[in-house]
Amino acid sequence: AIYKHFRSKDDLILATLRLRDEQFRNWLMRRVDAIATEPKDQLLAIFDALGEWFEEAGFRSCMFIKASSEYQDRSNPIHATAAEHKRLLLIYFTEIAQKA
């Protein structure tokens, strides 16, 4: 039934990764902003927010790390999507660090 909406397992994985990327980055940015307003404090707030995530009852590791380890070929769209998520987080962290 799920394959009525997706052509393949890979398409389903890509859609899941894209949705999770959007949800996770939005959550992290909002949570960091809620914890701290000053860039220096936001750097520490990143760790506080991630700690909260790690302690959630349903925490099962990082979906993007798992995906990139299962699809190791860098030209694979799944690996590329997982890497893009990490690249976008790096940009976010770097911007905060530069302001601090």
Protein backbone atom coordinates (compact mmCIF):
# COMPACT_ATOMS: atom_id res chain seq x y z
CA ALA A 1 0.00 0.00 0.00
CA ILE A 2 2.81 2.43 0.78
CA TYR A 3 4.31 1.88 -2.65
CA LYS A 4 1.21 3.45 -4.18
CA HIS A 5 2.75 6.73 -3.06
CA PHE A 6 6.42 5.92 -3.71
CA ARG A 7 7.97 4.23 -6.74
CA SER A 8 10.60 2.44 -4.70
CA LYS A 9 12.03 1.87 -1.26
CA ASP A 10 14.71 4.45 -2.03
CA ASP A 11 12.06 7.06 -2.88
CA LEU A 12 10.37 6.36 0.45
CA ILE A 13 13.68 6.73 2.29
CA LEU A 14 14.42 10.01 0.49
CA ALA A 15 11.00 11.43 1.35
CA THR A 16 11.45 10.39 4.97
CA LEU A 17 14.90 11.97 5.16
CA ARG A 18 13.69 15.24 3.62
CA LEU A 19 10.77 15.49 6.03
CA ARG A 20 12.95 14.62 9.02
CA ASP A 21 15.55 17.18 7.94
CA GLU A 22 12.97 19.94 7.85
CA GLN A 23 11.38 18.92 11.15
CA PHE A 24 14.65 18.41 13.00
CA ARG A 25 16.40 21.57 11.88
CA ASN A 26 13.30 23.66 12.61
CA TRP A 27 13.01 22.08 16.06
CA LEU A 28 16.69 22.58 16.84
CA MET A 29 16.73 26.22 15.76
CA ARG A 30 13.56 27.03 17.70
CA ARG A 31 14.84 25.19 20.76
CA VAL A 32 18.22 26.95 20.69
CA ASP A 33 16.43 30.31 20.36
CA ALA A 34 14.17 29.42 23.30
CA ILE A 35 17.12 28.51 25.51
CA ALA A 36 19.37 31.48 24.69
CA THR A 37 19.28 34.77 22.83
CA GLU A 38 22.96 35.70 22.73
CA PRO A 39 25.14 33.87 20.17
CA LYS A 40 27.74 32.87 22.79
CA ASP A 41 25.00 31.30 24.90
CA GLN A 42 23.38 29.74 21.83
CA LEU A 43 26.57 27.77 21.17
CA LEU A 44 26.08 26.08 24.54
CA ALA A 45 22.34 25.84 23.97
CA ILE A 46 23.00 23.63 20.96
CA PHE A 47 24.44 21.03 23.31
CA ASP A 48 21.54 21.44 25.74
CA ALA A 49 19.01 20.94 22.95
CA LEU A 50 20.84 17.91 21.57
CA GLY A 51 21.03 16.49 25.08
CA GLU A 52 17.26 16.80 25.38
CA TRP A 53 16.89 14.95 22.09
CA PHE A 54 19.24 12.17 23.19
CA GLU A 55 17.22 11.70 26.38
CA GLU A 56 13.86 11.35 24.61
CA ALA A 57 12.24 7.97 25.21
CA GLY A 58 12.02 7.26 21.47
CA PHE A 59 15.58 8.28 20.62
CA ARG A 60 17.12 5.75 18.23
CA SER A 61 20.25 7.53 17.02
CA CYS A 62 20.56 9.88 14.07
CA MET A 63 18.58 8.85 11.00
CA PHE A 64 21.06 10.66 8.74
CA ILE A 65 24.12 8.91 10.12
CA LYS A 66 22.36 5.57 9.77
CA ALA A 67 21.32 6.35 6.19
CA SER A 68 24.78 7.46 5.14
CA SER A 69 26.34 4.35 6.68
CA GLU A 70 23.90 2.06 4.87
CA TYR A 71 24.27 3.92 1.56
CA GLN A 72 27.98 4.69 1.51
CA ASP A 73 28.33 5.55 -2.17
CA ARG A 74 28.55 9.36 -2.16
CA SER A 75 26.77 9.54 -5.50
CA ASN A 76 23.72 7.76 -4.08
CA PRO A 77 20.84 10.23 -3.55
CA ILE A 78 20.20 8.84 -0.05
CA HIS A 79 23.81 9.44 1.00
CA ALA A 80 23.75 12.87 -0.64
CA THR A 81 20.55 13.84 1.20
CA ALA A 82 22.00 12.72 4.53
CA ALA A 83 25.21 14.65 3.84
CA GLU A 84 23.22 17.75 2.90
CA HIS A 85 21.44 17.64 6.26
CA LYS A 86 24.80 17.63 8.04
CA ARG A 87 26.09 20.42 5.77
CA LEU A 88 23.08 22.59 6.62
CA LEU A 89 23.63 21.99 10.34
CA LEU A 90 27.29 22.94 9.94
CA ILE A 91 26.26 26.22 8.28
CA TYR A 92 23.84 26.95 11.13
CA PHE A 93 26.46 26.18 13.81
CA THR A 94 29.11 28.20 11.96
CA GLU A 95 26.83 31.24 11.68
CA ILE A 96 26.20 31.19 15.42
CA ALA A 97 29.92 30.75 16.15
CA GLN A 98 30.85 33.67 13.89
CA LYS A 99 28.36 35.92 15.72
CA ALA A 100 29.73 34.83 19.09
